[in-house]
Amino acid sequence: MPDTQTLLEKIQALPAEQLGEVEDFIDFLTARNRRLAAMDRFLAVAPALEAAGVPPVTEDEIMAEVRAARTERRARQTGSGDADRT
């Protein structure tokens, strides 16, 4: 596994027009890791919720939460409340 210095040297050797691709890929990996960590946290509490008798969440409820989170994120990104697309 390459160390940080080796990776930096490889990045510095790339043509300038490819640096955006590298940045996009790093952003993708970071977002994926955040999603996986969130899923791990969610799954970690599932047994406790079941033991407490909390009813399972339906697919419709999950999709409603996803839409609400996307709408909220778009509103934050644009700085306005007009983000009703899904």
PDB file of N, CA and C in Angstrom:
ATOM      1  N   MET A   1       0.847  -1.179   0.000  1.00  0.00           N
ATOM      2  CA  MET A   1       0.000   0.000   0.000  1.00  0.00           C
ATOM      3  C   MET A   1       0.891   1.240   0.000  1.00  0.00           C
ATOM      4  N   PRO A   2       0.681   2.121  -0.959  1.00  0.00           N
ATOM      5  CA  PRO A   2       1.538   3.308  -1.040  1.00  0.00           C
ATOM      6  C   PRO A   2       1.305   4.249   0.138  1.00  0.00           C
ATOM      7  N   ASP A   3       2.374   4.922   0.521  1.00  0.00           N
ATOM      8  CA  ASP A   3       2.229   5.893   1.596  1.00  0.00           C
ATOM      9  C   ASP A   3       1.762   7.230   1.020  1.00  0.00           C
ATOM     10  N   THR A   4       1.450   8.163   1.901  1.00  0.00           N
ATOM     11  CA  THR A   4       0.911   9.455   1.487  1.00  0.00           C
ATOM     12  C   THR A   4       1.878  10.200   0.581  1.00  0.00           C
ATOM     13  N   GLN A   5       3.152  10.162   0.899  1.00  0.00           N
ATOM     14  CA  GLN A   5       4.149  10.886   0.098  1.00  0.00           C
ATOM     15  C   GLN A   5       4.189  10.338  -1.326  1.00  0.00           C
ATOM     16  N   THR A   6       4.149   9.007  -1.474  1.00  0.00           N
ATOM     17  CA  THR A   6       4.160   8.400  -2.800  1.00  0.00           C
ATOM     18  C   THR A   6       2.929   8.818  -3.592  1.00  0.00           C
ATOM     19  N   LEU A   7       1.769   8.826  -2.945  1.00  0.00           N
ATOM     20  CA  LEU A   7       0.550   9.256  -3.634  1.00  0.00           C
ATOM     21  C   LEU A   7       0.635  10.712  -4.065  1.00  0.00           C
ATOM     22  N   LEU A   8       1.157  11.555  -3.185  1.00  0.00           N
ATOM     23  CA  LEU A   8       1.296  12.973  -3.535  1.00  0.00           C
ATOM     24  C   LEU A   8       2.227  13.153  -4.735  1.00  0.00           C
ATOM     25  N   GLU A   9       3.311  12.403  -4.779  1.00  0.00           N
ATOM     26  CA  GLU A   9       4.245  12.492  -5.899  1.00  0.00           C
ATOM     27  C   GLU A   9       3.571  12.058  -7.199  1.00  0.00           C
ATOM     28  N   LYS A  10       2.765  11.007  -7.141  1.00  0.00           N
ATOM     29  CA  LYS A  10       2.059  10.551  -8.329  1.00  0.00           C
ATOM     30  C   LYS A  10       1.043  11.588  -8.797  1.00  0.00           C
ATOM     31  N   ILE A  11       0.335  12.193  -7.846  1.00  0.00           N
ATOM     32  CA  ILE A  11      -0.645  13.229  -8.196  1.00  0.00           C
ATOM     33  C   ILE A  11       0.059  14.424  -8.823  1.00  0.00           C
ATOM     34  N   GLN A  12       1.172  14.827  -8.252  1.00  0.00           N
ATOM     35  CA  GLN A  12       1.916  15.973  -8.779  1.00  0.00           C
ATOM     36  C   GLN A  12       2.453  15.707 -10.183  1.00  0.00           C
ATOM     37  N   ALA A  13       2.668  14.449 -10.538  1.00  0.00           N
ATOM     38  CA  ALA A  13       3.180  14.102 -11.866  1.00  0.00           C
ATOM     39  C   ALA A  13       2.088  14.091 -12.935  1.00  0.00           C
ATOM     40  N   LEU A  14       0.833  14.146 -12.530  1.00  0.00           N
ATOM     41  CA  LEU A  14      -0.265  14.116 -13.498  1.00  0.00           C
ATOM     42  C   LEU A  14      -0.390  15.456 -14.218  1.00  0.00           C
ATOM     43  N   PRO A  15      -0.899  15.403 -15.457  1.00  0.00           N
ATOM     44  CA  PRO A  15      -1.199  16.657 -16.153  1.00  0.00           C
ATOM     45  C   PRO A  15      -2.311  17.405 -15.407  1.00  0.00           C
ATOM     46  N   ALA A  16      -2.273  18.714 -15.461  1.00  0.00           N
ATOM     47  CA  ALA A  16      -3.233  19.553 -14.738  1.00  0.00           C
ATOM     48  C   ALA A  16      -4.673  19.190 -15.064  1.00  0.00           C
ATOM     49  N   GLU A  17      -4.951  18.838 -16.305  1.00  0.00           N
ATOM     50  CA  GLU A  17      -6.338  18.529 -16.690  1.00  0.00           C
ATOM     51  C   GLU A  17      -6.872  17.254 -16.039  1.00  0.00           C
ATOM     52  N   GLN A  18      -6.021  16.420 -15.485  1.00  0.00           N
ATOM     53  CA  GLN A  18      -6.475  15.199 -14.820  1.00  0.00           C
ATOM     54  C   GLN A  18      -6.655  15.373 -13.319  1.00  0.00           C
ATOM     55  N   LEU A  19      -6.222  16.475 -12.773  1.00  0.00           N
ATOM     56  CA  LEU A  19      -6.344  16.689 -11.335  1.00  0.00           C
ATOM     57  C   LEU A  19      -7.802  16.748 -10.897  1.00  0.00           C
ATOM     58  N   GLY A  20      -8.676  17.284 -11.734  1.00  0.00           N
ATOM     59  CA  GLY A  20     -10.101  17.311 -11.415  1.00  0.00           C
ATOM     60  C   GLY A  20     -10.671  15.914 -11.278  1.00  0.00           C
ATOM     61  N   GLU A  21     -10.210  14.998 -12.130  1.00  0.00           N
ATOM     62  CA  GLU A  21     -10.667  13.608 -12.042  1.00  0.00           C
ATOM     63  C   GLU A  21     -10.225  12.977 -10.723  1.00  0.00           C
ATOM     64  N   VAL A  22      -9.012  13.263 -10.329  1.00  0.00           N
ATOM     65  CA  VAL A  22      -8.500  12.738  -9.057  1.00  0.00           C
ATOM     66  C   VAL A  22      -9.340  13.285  -7.906  1.00  0.00           C
ATOM     67  N   GLU A  23      -9.606  14.582  -7.938  1.00  0.00           N
ATOM     68  CA  GLU A  23     -10.408  15.190  -6.881  1.00  0.00           C
ATOM     69  C   GLU A  23     -11.812  14.594  -6.846  1.00  0.00           C
ATOM     70  N   ASP A  24     -12.424  14.392  -8.016  1.00  0.00           N
ATOM     71  CA  ASP A  24     -13.760  13.784  -8.070  1.00  0.00           C
ATOM     72  C   ASP A  24     -13.747  12.383  -7.463  1.00  0.00           C
ATOM     73  N   PHE A  25     -12.702  11.605  -7.766  1.00  0.00           N
ATOM     74  CA  PHE A  25     -12.623  10.254  -7.239  1.00  0.00           C
ATOM     75  C   PHE A  25     -12.436  10.264  -5.720  1.00  0.00           C
ATOM     76  N   ILE A  26     -11.626  11.181  -5.224  1.00  0.00           N
ATOM     77  CA  ILE A  26     -11.445  11.301  -3.774  1.00  0.00           C
ATOM     78  C   ILE A  26     -12.765  11.681  -3.115  1.00  0.00           C
ATOM     79  N   ASP A  27     -13.504  12.611  -3.722  1.00  0.00           N
ATOM     80  CA  ASP A  27     -14.814  12.991  -3.187  1.00  0.00           C
ATOM     81  C   ASP A  27     -15.760  11.803  -3.177  1.00  0.00           C
ATOM     82  N   PHE A  28     -15.732  10.995  -4.247  1.00  0.00           N
ATOM     83  CA  PHE A  28     -16.571   9.800  -4.322  1.00  0.00           C
ATOM     84  C   PHE A  28     -16.234   8.826  -3.194  1.00  0.00           C
ATOM     85  N   LEU A  29     -14.940   8.561  -3.000  1.00  0.00           N
ATOM     86  CA  LEU A  29     -14.524   7.632  -1.943  1.00  0.00           C
ATOM     87  C   LEU A  29     -14.926   8.138  -0.561  1.00  0.00           C
ATOM     88  N   THR A  30     -14.766   9.433  -0.342  1.00  0.00           N
ATOM     89  CA  THR A  30     -15.125  10.021   0.945  1.00  0.00           C
ATOM     90  C   THR A  30     -16.621   9.880   1.204  1.00  0.00           C
ATOM     91  N   ALA A  31     -17.434  10.185   0.196  1.00  0.00           N
ATOM     92  CA  ALA A  31     -18.887  10.076   0.347  1.00  0.00           C
ATOM     93  C   ALA A  31     -19.296   8.624   0.588  1.00  0.00           C
ATOM     94  N   ARG A  32     -18.672   7.704  -0.141  1.00  0.00           N
ATOM     95  CA  ARG A  32     -18.999   6.283   0.035  1.00  0.00           C
ATOM     96  C   ARG A  32     -18.658   5.827   1.451  1.00  0.00           C
ATOM     97  N   ASN A  33     -17.511   6.251   1.951  1.00  0.00           N
ATOM     98  CA  ASN A  33     -17.120   5.871   3.311  1.00  0.00           C
ATOM     99  C   ASN A  33     -18.089   6.439   4.337  1.00  0.00           C
ATOM    100  N   ARG A  34     -18.560   7.668   4.132  1.00  0.00           N
ATOM    101  CA  ARG A  34     -19.541   8.253   5.053  1.00  0.00           C
ATOM    102  C   ARG A  34     -20.845   7.461   5.018  1.00  0.00           C
ATOM    103  N   ARG A  35     -21.294   7.079   3.816  1.00  0.00           N
ATOM    104  CA  ARG A  35     -22.537   6.286   3.703  1.00  0.00           C
ATOM    105  C   ARG A  35     -22.391   4.934   4.391  1.00  0.00           C
ATOM    106  N   LEU A  36     -21.258   4.274   4.176  1.00  0.00           N
ATOM    107  CA  LEU A  36     -21.041   2.966   4.800  1.00  0.00           C
ATOM    108  C   LEU A  36     -20.983   3.082   6.321  1.00  0.00           C
ATOM    109  N   ALA A  37     -20.339   4.127   6.818  1.00  0.00           N
ATOM    110  CA  ALA A  37     -20.266   4.324   8.268  1.00  0.00           C
ATOM    111  C   ALA A  37     -21.659   4.587   8.842  1.00  0.00           C
ATOM    112  N   ALA A  38     -22.460   5.371   8.129  1.00  0.00           N
ATOM    113  CA  ALA A  38     -23.826   5.644   8.589  1.00  0.00           C
ATOM    114  C   ALA A  38     -24.647   4.356   8.605  1.00  0.00           C
ATOM    115  N   MET A  39     -24.484   3.521   7.595  1.00  0.00           N
ATOM    116  CA  MET A  39     -25.219   2.253   7.542  1.00  0.00           C
ATOM    117  C   MET A  39     -24.778   1.347   8.692  1.00  0.00           C
ATOM    118  N   ASP A  40     -23.494   1.321   8.977  1.00  0.00           N
ATOM    119  CA  ASP A  40     -23.000   0.515  10.105  1.00  0.00           C
ATOM    120  C   ASP A  40     -23.614   0.982  11.423  1.00  0.00           C
ATOM    121  N   ARG A  41     -23.692   2.311  11.610  1.00  0.00           N
ATOM    122  CA  ARG A  41     -24.295   2.842  12.844  1.00  0.00           C
ATOM    123  C   ARG A  41     -25.774   2.467  12.914  1.00  0.00           C
ATOM    124  N   PHE A  42     -26.457   2.549  11.787  1.00  0.00           N
ATOM    125  CA  PHE A  42     -27.874   2.209  11.733  1.00  0.00           C
ATOM    126  C   PHE A  42     -28.087   0.732  12.082  1.00  0.00           C
ATOM    127  N   LEU A  43     -27.292  -0.123  11.474  1.00  0.00           N
ATOM    128  CA  LEU A  43     -27.448  -1.557  11.716  1.00  0.00           C
ATOM    129  C   LEU A  43     -27.063  -1.940  13.143  1.00  0.00           C
ATOM    130  N   ALA A  44     -26.185  -1.190  13.762  1.00  0.00           N
ATOM    131  CA  ALA A  44     -25.760  -1.489  15.125  1.00  0.00           C
ATOM    132  C   ALA A  44     -26.903  -1.319  16.125  1.00  0.00           C
ATOM    133  N   VAL A  45     -27.849  -0.417  15.851  1.00  0.00           N
ATOM    134  CA  VAL A  45     -28.952  -0.197  16.789  1.00  0.00           C
ATOM    135  C   VAL A  45     -30.173  -1.054  16.466  1.00  0.00           C
ATOM    136  N   ALA A  46     -30.161  -1.723  15.320  1.00  0.00           N
ATOM    137  CA  ALA A  46     -31.324  -2.515  14.913  1.00  0.00           C
ATOM    138  C   ALA A  46     -31.721  -3.569  15.941  1.00  0.00           C
ATOM    139  N   PRO A  47     -30.794  -4.350  16.504  1.00  0.00           N
ATOM    140  CA  PRO A  47     -31.202  -5.351  17.494  1.00  0.00           C
ATOM    141  C   PRO A  47     -31.856  -4.724  18.735  1.00  0.00           C
ATOM    142  N   ALA A  48     -31.356  -3.584  19.173  1.00  0.00           N
ATOM    143  CA  ALA A  48     -31.943  -2.925  20.343  1.00  0.00           C
ATOM    144  C   ALA A  48     -33.357  -2.437  20.037  1.00  0.00           C
ATOM    145  N   LEU A  49     -33.556  -1.936  18.834  1.00  0.00           N
ATOM    146  CA  LEU A  49     -34.901  -1.483  18.450  1.00  0.00           C
ATOM    147  C   LEU A  49     -35.873  -2.657  18.398  1.00  0.00           C
ATOM    148  N   GLU A  50     -35.425  -3.761  17.841  1.00  0.00           N
ATOM    149  CA  GLU A  50     -36.278  -4.950  17.767  1.00  0.00           C
ATOM    150  C   GLU A  50     -36.615  -5.452  19.168  1.00  0.00           C
ATOM    151  N   ALA A  51     -35.617  -5.495  20.045  1.00  0.00           N
ATOM    152  CA  ALA A  51     -35.841  -5.963  21.408  1.00  0.00           C
ATOM    153  C   ALA A  51     -36.794  -5.042  22.168  1.00  0.00           C
ATOM    154  N   ALA A  52     -36.790  -3.761  21.810  1.00  0.00           N
ATOM    155  CA  ALA A  52     -37.672  -2.798  22.481  1.00  0.00           C
ATOM    156  C   ALA A  52     -39.087  -2.819  21.909  1.00  0.00           C
ATOM    157  N   GLY A  53     -39.307  -3.628  20.870  1.00  0.00           N
ATOM    158  CA  GLY A  53     -40.637  -3.732  20.299  1.00  0.00           C
ATOM    159  C   GLY A  53     -40.983  -2.635  19.311  1.00  0.00           C
ATOM    160  N   VAL A  54     -39.971  -1.903  18.835  1.00  0.00           N
ATOM    161  CA  VAL A  54     -40.215  -0.848  17.846  1.00  0.00           C
ATOM    162  C   VAL A  54     -40.542  -1.522  16.515  1.00  0.00           C
ATOM    163  N   PRO A  55     -41.645  -1.133  15.878  1.00  0.00           N
ATOM    164  CA  PRO A  55     -42.001  -1.770  14.603  1.00  0.00           C
ATOM    165  C   PRO A  55     -40.987  -1.430  13.514  1.00  0.00           C
ATOM    166  N   PRO A  56     -40.767  -2.364  12.592  1.00  0.00           N
ATOM    167  CA  PRO A  56     -39.806  -2.105  11.507  1.00  0.00           C
ATOM    168  C   PRO A  56     -40.280  -0.937  10.640  1.00  0.00           C
ATOM    169  N   VAL A  57     -39.327  -0.250  10.052  1.00  0.00           N
ATOM    170  CA  VAL A  57     -39.619   0.867   9.167  1.00  0.00           C
ATOM    171  C   VAL A  57     -39.981   0.309   7.799  1.00  0.00           C
ATOM    172  N   THR A  58     -41.022   0.869   7.194  1.00  0.00           N
ATOM    173  CA  THR A  58     -41.436   0.404   5.867  1.00  0.00           C
ATOM    174  C   THR A  58     -40.574   1.047   4.787  1.00  0.00           C
ATOM    175  N   GLU A  59     -40.589   0.457   3.616  1.00  0.00           N
ATOM    176  CA  GLU A  59     -39.847   1.019   2.482  1.00  0.00           C
ATOM    177  C   GLU A  59     -40.365   2.416   2.136  1.00  0.00           C
ATOM    178  N   ASP A  60     -41.679   2.621   2.227  1.00  0.00           N
ATOM    179  CA  ASP A  60     -42.244   3.949   1.955  1.00  0.00           C
ATOM    180  C   ASP A  60     -41.732   4.987   2.949  1.00  0.00           C
ATOM    181  N   GLU A  61     -41.610   4.600   4.220  1.00  0.00           N
ATOM    182  CA  GLU A  61     -41.091   5.523   5.229  1.00  0.00           C
ATOM    183  C   GLU A  61     -39.624   5.861   4.962  1.00  0.00           C
ATOM    184  N   ILE A  62     -38.870   4.856   4.538  1.00  0.00           N
ATOM    185  CA  ILE A  62     -37.457   5.086   4.217  1.00  0.00           C
ATOM    186  C   ILE A  62     -37.344   6.055   3.050  1.00  0.00           C
ATOM    187  N   MET A  63     -38.132   5.820   2.000  1.00  0.00           N
ATOM    188  CA  MET A  63     -38.067   6.697   0.831  1.00  0.00           C
ATOM    189  C   MET A  63     -38.503   8.118   1.174  1.00  0.00           C
ATOM    190  N   ALA A  64     -39.471   8.267   2.045  1.00  0.00           N
ATOM    191  CA  ALA A  64     -39.896   9.602   2.473  1.00  0.00           C
ATOM    192  C   ALA A  64     -38.762  10.311   3.199  1.00  0.00           C
ATOM    193  N   GLU A  65     -38.042   9.580   4.032  1.00  0.00           N
ATOM    194  CA  GLU A  65     -36.899  10.169   4.744  1.00  0.00           C
ATOM    195  C   GLU A  65     -35.783  10.550   3.778  1.00  0.00           C
ATOM    196  N   VAL A  66     -35.541   9.696   2.789  1.00  0.00           N
ATOM    197  CA  VAL A  66     -34.505   9.992   1.790  1.00  0.00           C
ATOM    198  C   VAL A  66     -34.877  11.266   1.028  1.00  0.00           C
ATOM    199  N   ARG A  67     -36.127  11.361   0.597  1.00  0.00           N
ATOM    200  CA  ARG A  67     -36.572  12.568  -0.131  1.00  0.00           C
ATOM    201  C   ARG A  67     -36.436  13.808   0.741  1.00  0.00           C
ATOM    202  N   ALA A  68     -36.814  13.704   2.003  1.00  0.00           N
ATOM    203  CA  ALA A  68     -36.718  14.855   2.909  1.00  0.00           C
ATOM    204  C   ALA A  68     -35.258  15.259   3.109  1.00  0.00           C
ATOM    205  N   ALA A  69     -34.378  14.291   3.263  1.00  0.00           N
ATOM    206  CA  ALA A  69     -32.956  14.605   3.456  1.00  0.00           C
ATOM    207  C   ALA A  69     -32.376  15.254   2.209  1.00  0.00           C
ATOM    208  N   ARG A  70     -32.740  14.756   1.034  1.00  0.00           N
ATOM    209  CA  ARG A  70     -32.253  15.354  -0.218  1.00  0.00           C
ATOM    210  C   ARG A  70     -32.753  16.779  -0.379  1.00  0.00           C
ATOM    211  N   THR A  71     -34.023  16.991  -0.060  1.00  0.00           N
ATOM    212  CA  THR A  71     -34.590  18.337  -0.149  1.00  0.00           C
ATOM    213  C   THR A  71     -33.867  19.287   0.793  1.00  0.00           C
ATOM    214  N   GLU A  72     -33.618  18.829   2.005  1.00  0.00           N
ATOM    215  CA  GLU A  72     -32.906  19.653   2.988  1.00  0.00           C
ATOM    216  C   GLU A  72     -31.488  19.959   2.525  1.00  0.00           C
ATOM    217  N   ARG A  73     -30.806  18.950   1.981  1.00  0.00           N
ATOM    218  CA  ARG A  73     -29.438  19.155   1.508  1.00  0.00           C
ATOM    219  C   ARG A  73     -29.410  20.149   0.351  1.00  0.00           C
ATOM    220  N   ARG A  74     -30.332  20.020  -0.588  1.00  0.00           N
ATOM    221  CA  ARG A  74     -30.386  20.972  -1.707  1.00  0.00           C
ATOM    222  C   ARG A  74     -30.653  22.387  -1.224  1.00  0.00           C
ATOM    223  N   ALA A  75     -31.534  22.519  -0.246  1.00  0.00           N
ATOM    224  CA  ALA A  75     -31.836  23.846   0.297  1.00  0.00           C
ATOM    225  C   ALA A  75     -30.588  24.459   0.931  1.00  0.00           C
ATOM    226  N   ARG A  76     -29.814  23.649   1.632  1.00  0.00           N
ATOM    227  CA  ARG A  76     -28.576  24.156   2.237  1.00  0.00           C
ATOM    228  C   ARG A  76     -27.566  24.543   1.167  1.00  0.00           C
ATOM    229  N   GLN A  77     -27.472  23.722   0.114  1.00  0.00           N
ATOM    230  CA  GLN A  77     -26.484  23.973  -0.936  1.00  0.00           C
ATOM    231  C   GLN A  77     -26.829  25.216  -1.754  1.00  0.00           C
ATOM    232  N   THR A  78     -28.106  25.434  -1.993  1.00  0.00           N
ATOM    233  CA  THR A  78     -28.499  26.580  -2.817  1.00  0.00           C
ATOM    234  C   THR A  78     -28.784  27.808  -1.982  1.00  0.00           C
ATOM    235  N   GLY A  79     -28.944  27.614  -0.667  1.00  0.00           N
ATOM    236  CA  GLY A  79     -29.226  28.748   0.204  1.00  0.00           C
ATOM    237  C   GLY A  79     -30.651  29.226   0.103  1.00  0.00           C
ATOM    238  N   SER A  80     -31.521  28.380  -0.484  1.00  0.00           N
ATOM    239  CA  SER A  80     -32.928  28.760  -0.587  1.00  0.00           C
ATOM    240  C   SER A  80     -33.795  27.582  -0.203  1.00  0.00           C
ATOM    241  N   GLY A  81     -35.059  27.841  -0.017  1.00  0.00           N
ATOM    242  CA  GLY A  81     -35.983  26.768   0.335  1.00  0.00           C
ATOM    243  C   GLY A  81     -36.630  26.131  -0.868  1.00  0.00           C
ATOM    244  N   ASP A  82     -36.222  26.502  -2.088  1.00  0.00           N
ATOM    245  CA  ASP A  82     -36.843  25.992  -3.306  1.00  0.00           C
ATOM    246  C   ASP A  82     -36.053  24.801  -3.812  1.00  0.00           C
ATOM    247  N   ALA A  83     -36.228  23.649  -3.139  1.00  0.00           N
ATOM    248  CA  ALA A  83     -35.513  22.433  -3.524  1.00  0.00           C
ATOM    249  C   ALA A  83     -36.428  21.236  -3.404  1.00  0.00           C
ATOM    250  N   ASP A  84     -37.535  21.269  -4.099  1.00  0.00           N
ATOM    251  CA  ASP A  84     -38.530  20.209  -3.958  1.00  0.00           C
ATOM    252  C   ASP A  84     -38.334  19.049  -4.909  1.00  0.00           C
ATOM    253  N   ARG A  85     -37.278  19.093  -5.752  1.00  0.00           N
ATOM    254  CA  ARG A  85     -37.046  17.980  -6.665  1.00  0.00           C
ATOM    255  C   ARG A  85     -36.529  16.788  -5.877  1.00  0.00           C
ATOM    256  N   THR A  86     -36.700  15.578  -6.455  1.00  0.00           N
ATOM    257  CA  THR A  86     -36.143  14.359  -5.850  1.00  0.00           C
ATOM    258  C   THR A  86     -35.181  13.709  -6.791  1.00  0.00           C
TER     259      THR A  86
END
